[in-house]
Amino acid sequence: MASESTARHNVWQLDAECRGPNSKIFYPPSRPERRDERERRERRAKSICAACVVKTECLDYALSIKEQHGIWGGLNEMERRALMLT
């Protein structure tokens, strides 16, 4: 059971635009993905992030847990890694 502090901390997720049927585009598929397919999927995911009211909270969360997969806060894995190095 999540603590009250954890539950409050993650309440932003309820307002995330990535929730629902399109959530799978934020992560690579289980099968190999061609470069053009990945780029198209990431562009689509990032366009959803661009309009999201909790984009900043999402990115902060991904950086704080060092999330290694998917699009979070409008950035992919490599973009988040580069941001953490600066």
Protein backbone atom coordinates (compact mmCIF):
# COMPACT_ATOMS: atom_id res chain seq x y z
CA MET A 1 0.00 0.00 0.00
CA ALA A 2 1.38 3.40 -0.99
CA SER A 3 2.01 5.89 1.76
CA GLU A 4 -0.04 9.09 1.87
CA SER A 5 3.08 11.04 0.88
CA THR A 6 3.66 8.82 -2.17
CA ALA A 7 0.01 8.99 -3.18
CA ARG A 8 0.04 12.80 -2.98
CA HIS A 9 3.34 12.98 -4.84
CA ASN A 10 2.01 10.97 -7.81
CA VAL A 11 -1.46 12.55 -8.03
CA TRP A 12 -0.29 14.46 -11.13
CA GLN A 13 -0.48 11.16 -13.03
CA LEU A 14 -4.28 11.35 -12.91
CA ASP A 15 -4.15 14.43 -15.16
CA ALA A 16 -1.59 13.05 -17.61
CA GLU A 17 -2.55 13.08 -21.30
CA CYS A 18 -0.75 9.77 -21.83
CA ARG A 19 -3.30 7.81 -19.83
CA GLY A 20 -5.67 5.56 -21.72
CA PRO A 21 -5.63 3.70 -25.01
CA ASN A 22 -2.70 5.64 -26.52
CA SER A 23 -0.35 4.93 -23.62
CA LYS A 24 1.48 2.23 -25.60
CA ILE A 25 3.01 4.79 -27.97
CA PHE A 26 5.11 6.15 -25.12
CA TYR A 27 7.16 2.93 -24.96
CA PRO A 28 8.92 0.86 -27.60
CA PRO A 29 7.07 -2.25 -28.77
CA SER A 30 8.18 -5.72 -27.68
CA ARG A 31 9.24 -6.49 -31.25
CA PRO A 32 12.18 -4.83 -33.06
CA GLU A 33 11.31 -1.34 -34.28
CA ARG A 34 12.73 0.27 -37.40
CA ARG A 35 14.27 3.71 -36.98
CA ASP A 36 11.53 5.46 -38.98
CA GLU A 37 8.85 3.68 -36.91
CA ARG A 38 10.53 4.76 -33.66
CA GLU A 39 10.86 8.35 -34.85
CA ARG A 40 7.19 8.45 -35.90
CA ARG A 41 6.03 6.90 -32.60
CA GLU A 42 8.18 9.30 -30.57
CA ARG A 43 6.95 12.35 -32.52
CA ARG A 44 3.36 11.31 -31.85
CA ALA A 45 4.04 10.75 -28.14
CA LYS A 46 5.89 14.06 -27.83
CA SER A 47 3.01 15.91 -29.50
CA ILE A 48 0.70 14.54 -26.80
CA CYS A 49 3.19 15.61 -24.13
CA ALA A 50 3.36 19.12 -25.58
CA ALA A 51 -0.29 19.73 -24.68
CA CYS A 52 -0.14 18.02 -21.28
CA VAL A 53 -0.75 20.13 -18.18
CA VAL A 54 1.52 17.93 -16.03
CA LYS A 55 4.46 17.71 -18.44
CA THR A 56 6.87 19.34 -15.96
CA GLU A 57 5.83 17.06 -13.09
CA CYS A 58 6.16 14.06 -15.38
CA LEU A 59 9.68 14.97 -16.45
CA ASP A 60 10.71 15.75 -12.87
CA TYR A 61 9.42 12.35 -11.78
CA ALA A 62 11.23 10.49 -14.59
CA LEU A 63 14.47 12.27 -13.76
CA SER A 64 14.10 11.60 -10.03
CA ILE A 65 13.67 7.84 -10.54
CA LYS A 66 16.16 7.72 -13.43
CA GLU A 67 13.55 6.18 -15.74
CA GLN A 68 15.36 4.42 -18.55
CA HIS A 69 12.46 3.67 -20.90
CA GLY A 70 9.82 5.57 -22.80
CA ILE A 71 8.78 9.16 -23.37
CA TRP A 72 8.35 11.10 -20.14
CA GLY A 73 7.72 14.83 -19.95
CA GLY A 74 8.26 15.11 -23.69
CA LEU A 75 11.76 13.58 -23.68
CA ASN A 76 13.01 10.16 -24.71
CA GLU A 77 15.64 8.12 -22.87
CA MET A 78 18.65 9.70 -24.59
CA GLU A 79 17.31 13.24 -24.14
CA ARG A 80 16.71 12.67 -20.42
CA ARG A 81 20.17 11.13 -20.02
CA ALA A 82 21.77 14.16 -21.72
CA LEU A 83 19.76 16.51 -19.49
CA MET A 84 21.00 14.72 -16.38
CA LEU A 85 24.61 15.14 -17.52
CA THR A 86 24.34 18.92 -17.77
